[in-house]
């Protein structure tokens, strides 16, 4: 796992999220372009993090004034891709190394889930790219 340095702002968000939900946060990514905070939670803590009917996510959104997204952390690249693109059903994950060291990931999803995987204006695939760049040095994600 790469060494990740958290900003004081990210550390505050993690503390707030953990106090509010009781879920264990592995990482926090600020996406200023999309005005969102992405939390990676410990495997198995997803339900705790979201809360009944999304109550925790809604409460946190009100408190910090940004969209909140929660992704379950995974050790393996394949599982992390699946979690980052959920609820889209991922069928296959293939990493391709290009000249110059760029790493591209080809993700095959259920044809009905392609829109869900990409998200409105590419928002979901952008979230996956942020997470995968941070943990596995992936430069590009291609969804087919």
C-alpha atoms as a PDB file:
ATOM      1  CA  UNK A   1       0.000   0.000   0.000  1.00  0.00           C
ATOM      2  CA  UNK A   2       1.381   3.430  -0.925  1.00  0.00           C
ATOM      3  CA  UNK A   3       2.134   5.965   1.761  1.00  0.00           C
ATOM      4  CA  UNK A   4      -0.745   8.400   1.831  1.00  0.00           C
ATOM      5  CA  UNK A   5      -0.414  11.771   3.480  1.00  0.00           C
ATOM      6  CA  UNK A   6      -3.662  13.260   4.737  1.00  0.00           C
ATOM      7  CA  UNK A   7      -4.246  16.998   4.960  1.00  0.00           C
ATOM      8  CA  UNK A   8      -5.492  18.456   8.258  1.00  0.00           C
ATOM      9  CA  UNK A   9      -8.876  18.995   6.573  1.00  0.00           C
ATOM     10  CA  UNK A  10      -9.079  15.318   5.542  1.00  0.00           C
ATOM     11  CA  UNK A  11      -8.122  14.232   9.061  1.00  0.00           C
ATOM     12  CA  UNK A  12     -10.913  16.410  10.511  1.00  0.00           C
ATOM     13  CA  UNK A  13     -13.424  14.850   8.114  1.00  0.00           C
ATOM     14  CA  UNK A  14     -12.266  11.338   9.062  1.00  0.00           C
ATOM     15  CA  UNK A  15     -12.621  12.101  12.788  1.00  0.00           C
ATOM     16  CA  UNK A  16     -16.073  13.611  12.231  1.00  0.00           C
ATOM     17  CA  UNK A  17     -17.204  10.682  10.070  1.00  0.00           C
ATOM     18  CA  UNK A  18     -15.964   8.078  12.574  1.00  0.00           C
ATOM     19  CA  UNK A  19     -17.573   9.905  15.523  1.00  0.00           C
ATOM     20  CA  UNK A  20     -20.869  10.220  13.669  1.00  0.00           C
ATOM     21  CA  UNK A  21     -21.071   6.692  12.225  1.00  0.00           C
ATOM     22  CA  UNK A  22     -18.877   4.377  14.291  1.00  0.00           C
ATOM     23  CA  UNK A  23     -17.426   3.068  11.014  1.00  0.00           C
ATOM     24  CA  UNK A  24     -13.643   2.798  10.599  1.00  0.00           C
ATOM     25  CA  UNK A  25     -12.348   5.084   7.840  1.00  0.00           C
ATOM     26  CA  UNK A  26      -9.235   3.913   5.954  1.00  0.00           C
ATOM     27  CA  UNK A  27      -8.920   7.033   3.796  1.00  0.00           C
ATOM     28  CA  UNK A  28     -10.567  10.285   2.794  1.00  0.00           C
ATOM     29  CA  UNK A  29     -10.229  11.967  -0.594  1.00  0.00           C
ATOM     30  CA  UNK A  30     -11.315  15.560  -1.199  1.00  0.00           C
ATOM     31  CA  UNK A  31     -12.583  16.076  -4.740  1.00  0.00           C
ATOM     32  CA  UNK A  32     -12.916  19.841  -4.940  1.00  0.00           C
ATOM     33  CA  UNK A  33     -13.898  19.752  -8.635  1.00  0.00           C
ATOM     34  CA  UNK A  34     -17.023  17.731  -7.833  1.00  0.00           C
ATOM     35  CA  UNK A  35     -17.485  19.315  -4.369  1.00  0.00           C
ATOM     36  CA  UNK A  36     -17.444  15.907  -2.718  1.00  0.00           C
ATOM     37  CA  UNK A  37     -15.657  13.978  -0.013  1.00  0.00           C
ATOM     38  CA  UNK A  38     -15.000  10.304  -0.712  1.00  0.00           C
ATOM     39  CA  UNK A  39     -14.540   8.084   2.326  1.00  0.00           C
ATOM     40  CA  UNK A  40     -12.987   4.626   2.061  1.00  0.00           C
ATOM     41  CA  UNK A  41     -14.266   2.522   4.923  1.00  0.00           C
ATOM     42  CA  UNK A  42     -13.041  -0.738   6.392  1.00  0.00           C
ATOM     43  CA  UNK A  43     -14.497  -3.833   4.697  1.00  0.00           C
ATOM     44  CA  UNK A  44     -17.739  -4.734   6.433  1.00  0.00           C
ATOM     45  CA  UNK A  45     -18.388  -1.198   7.737  1.00  0.00           C
ATOM     46  CA  UNK A  46     -20.402   0.010   4.745  1.00  0.00           C
ATOM     47  CA  UNK A  47     -23.820  -0.363   6.425  1.00  0.00           C
ATOM     48  CA  UNK A  48     -22.579   1.359   9.568  1.00  0.00           C
ATOM     49  CA  UNK A  49     -21.089   4.185   7.499  1.00  0.00           C
ATOM     50  CA  UNK A  50     -24.224   4.883   5.465  1.00  0.00           C
ATOM     51  CA  UNK A  51     -26.727   4.323   8.261  1.00  0.00           C
ATOM     52  CA  UNK A  52     -30.378   3.383   8.005  1.00  0.00           C
ATOM     53  CA  UNK A  53     -31.866   4.991   4.876  1.00  0.00           C
ATOM     54  CA  UNK A  54     -28.609   6.919   4.382  1.00  0.00           C
ATOM     55  CA  UNK A  55     -29.124   8.981   7.555  1.00  0.00           C
ATOM     56  CA  UNK A  56     -25.377   9.311   8.318  1.00  0.00           C
ATOM     57  CA  UNK A  57     -24.491  10.435   4.801  1.00  0.00           C
ATOM     58  CA  UNK A  58     -27.317  13.008   4.829  1.00  0.00           C
ATOM     59  CA  UNK A  59     -26.318  14.344   8.256  1.00  0.00           C
ATOM     60  CA  UNK A  60     -22.669  14.667   7.225  1.00  0.00           C
ATOM     61  CA  UNK A  61     -23.621  16.368   3.949  1.00  0.00           C
ATOM     62  CA  UNK A  62     -25.528  19.002   5.946  1.00  0.00           C
ATOM     63  CA  UNK A  63     -22.662  19.466   8.410  1.00  0.00           C
ATOM     64  CA  UNK A  64     -19.871  20.018   5.881  1.00  0.00           C
ATOM     65  CA  UNK A  65     -21.831  21.265   2.866  1.00  0.00           C
ATOM     66  CA  UNK A  66     -20.337  18.792   0.399  1.00  0.00           C
ATOM     67  CA  UNK A  67     -21.560  15.619  -1.232  1.00  0.00           C
ATOM     68  CA  UNK A  68     -20.499  12.503   0.647  1.00  0.00           C
ATOM     69  CA  UNK A  69     -19.598   9.261  -1.091  1.00  0.00           C
ATOM     70  CA  UNK A  70     -18.650   6.067   0.675  1.00  0.00           C
ATOM     71  CA  UNK A  71     -16.641   3.243  -0.905  1.00  0.00           C
ATOM     72  CA  UNK A  72     -15.663   0.024   0.813  1.00  0.00           C
ATOM     73  CA  UNK A  73     -11.888  -0.407   0.828  1.00  0.00           C
ATOM     74  CA  UNK A  74     -10.335  -3.609  -0.543  1.00  0.00           C
ATOM     75  CA  UNK A  75      -6.755  -4.893  -0.614  1.00  0.00           C
ATOM     76  CA  UNK A  76      -6.869  -6.267  -4.175  1.00  0.00           C
ATOM     77  CA  UNK A  77      -7.106  -4.128  -7.293  1.00  0.00           C
ATOM     78  CA  UNK A  78     -10.043  -6.166  -8.664  1.00  0.00           C
ATOM     79  CA  UNK A  79     -12.106  -5.842  -5.477  1.00  0.00           C
ATOM     80  CA  UNK A  80     -11.329  -2.130  -5.180  1.00  0.00           C
ATOM     81  CA  UNK A  81     -12.482  -1.595  -8.779  1.00  0.00           C
ATOM     82  CA  UNK A  82     -15.724  -3.475  -8.036  1.00  0.00           C
ATOM     83  CA  UNK A  83     -16.342  -1.451  -4.889  1.00  0.00           C
ATOM     84  CA  UNK A  84     -15.483   1.876  -6.532  1.00  0.00           C
ATOM     85  CA  UNK A  85     -17.902   1.257  -9.408  1.00  0.00           C
ATOM     86  CA  UNK A  86     -20.698  -0.285  -7.282  1.00  0.00           C
ATOM     87  CA  UNK A  87     -23.591  -0.831  -7.765  1.00  0.00           C
ATOM     88  CA  UNK A  88     -22.520  -1.604 -11.351  1.00  0.00           C
ATOM     89  CA  UNK A  89     -21.830  -5.324 -11.802  1.00  0.00           C
ATOM     90  CA  UNK A  90     -18.176  -5.659 -12.822  1.00  0.00           C
ATOM     91  CA  UNK A  91     -17.488  -8.756 -14.934  1.00  0.00           C
ATOM     92  CA  UNK A  92     -13.765  -8.388 -15.657  1.00  0.00           C
ATOM     93  CA  UNK A  93     -10.792  -6.184 -14.777  1.00  0.00           C
ATOM     94  CA  UNK A  94      -7.649  -6.090 -16.912  1.00  0.00           C
ATOM     95  CA  UNK A  95      -4.584  -3.908 -16.372  1.00  0.00           C
ATOM     96  CA  UNK A  96      -2.555  -2.854 -19.401  1.00  0.00           C
ATOM     97  CA  UNK A  97       0.862  -1.211 -19.127  1.00  0.00           C
ATOM     98  CA  UNK A  98       1.617   1.324 -21.846  1.00  0.00           C
ATOM     99  CA  UNK A  99       4.975   2.608 -23.008  1.00  0.00           C
ATOM    100  CA  UNK A 100       6.187   5.260 -20.621  1.00  0.00           C
ATOM    101  CA  UNK A 101       4.831   3.363 -17.627  1.00  0.00           C
ATOM    102  CA  UNK A 102       1.210   4.520 -17.822  1.00  0.00           C
ATOM    103  CA  UNK A 103      -1.201   1.958 -16.417  1.00  0.00           C
ATOM    104  CA  UNK A 104      -4.635   1.646 -17.977  1.00  0.00           C
ATOM    105  CA  UNK A 105      -7.399  -0.489 -16.563  1.00  0.00           C
ATOM    106  CA  UNK A 106     -10.100  -2.015 -18.762  1.00  0.00           C
ATOM    107  CA  UNK A 107     -13.270  -2.759 -16.830  1.00  0.00           C
ATOM    108  CA  UNK A 108     -16.032  -4.846 -18.364  1.00  0.00           C
ATOM    109  CA  UNK A 109     -19.428  -4.314 -16.753  1.00  0.00           C
ATOM    110  CA  UNK A 110     -22.848  -5.807 -17.317  1.00  0.00           C
ATOM    111  CA  UNK A 111     -24.219  -3.975 -20.422  1.00  0.00           C
ATOM    112  CA  UNK A 112     -27.236  -2.706 -18.432  1.00  0.00           C
ATOM    113  CA  UNK A 113     -24.875  -1.189 -15.836  1.00  0.00           C
ATOM    114  CA  UNK A 114     -22.612   0.801 -18.157  1.00  0.00           C
ATOM    115  CA  UNK A 115     -24.419   4.074 -17.412  1.00  0.00           C
ATOM    116  CA  UNK A 116     -24.280   3.396 -13.671  1.00  0.00           C
ATOM    117  CA  UNK A 117     -20.551   2.620 -13.826  1.00  0.00           C
ATOM    118  CA  UNK A 118     -19.749   5.825 -15.713  1.00  0.00           C
ATOM    119  CA  UNK A 119     -22.235   8.012 -13.831  1.00  0.00           C
ATOM    120  CA  UNK A 120     -23.705  11.363 -14.733  1.00  0.00           C
ATOM    121  CA  UNK A 121     -21.049  13.370 -16.601  1.00  0.00           C
ATOM    122  CA  UNK A 122     -18.505  10.622 -15.802  1.00  0.00           C
ATOM    123  CA  UNK A 123     -18.709  11.261 -12.039  1.00  0.00           C
ATOM    124  CA  UNK A 124     -18.519   7.601 -10.929  1.00  0.00           C
ATOM    125  CA  UNK A 125     -15.652   6.643 -13.203  1.00  0.00           C
ATOM    126  CA  UNK A 126     -13.825   9.800 -12.039  1.00  0.00           C
ATOM    127  CA  UNK A 127     -14.272   8.674  -8.399  1.00  0.00           C
ATOM    128  CA  UNK A 128     -12.876   5.243  -9.281  1.00  0.00           C
ATOM    129  CA  UNK A 129      -9.919   6.871 -11.071  1.00  0.00           C
ATOM    130  CA  UNK A 130      -9.079   9.030  -8.009  1.00  0.00           C
ATOM    131  CA  UNK A 131      -9.112   5.971  -5.732  1.00  0.00           C
ATOM    132  CA  UNK A 132      -7.200   3.691  -8.115  1.00  0.00           C
ATOM    133  CA  UNK A 133      -4.557   6.341  -8.880  1.00  0.00           C
ATOM    134  CA  UNK A 134      -3.946   6.730  -5.153  1.00  0.00           C
ATOM    135  CA  UNK A 135      -3.665   3.021  -4.350  1.00  0.00           C
ATOM    136  CA  UNK A 136      -2.533   1.286  -7.545  1.00  0.00           C
ATOM    137  CA  UNK A 137      -1.090   4.079  -9.754  1.00  0.00           C
ATOM    138  CA  UNK A 138      -3.749   3.597 -12.444  1.00  0.00           C
ATOM    139  CA  UNK A 139      -3.835   6.500 -14.927  1.00  0.00           C
ATOM    140  CA  UNK A 140      -6.901   5.714 -17.029  1.00  0.00           C
ATOM    141  CA  UNK A 141     -10.059   3.629 -16.669  1.00  0.00           C
ATOM    142  CA  UNK A 142     -11.882   2.355 -19.738  1.00  0.00           C
ATOM    143  CA  UNK A 143     -15.377   1.006 -19.125  1.00  0.00           C
ATOM    144  CA  UNK A 144     -16.794  -1.401 -21.712  1.00  0.00           C
END
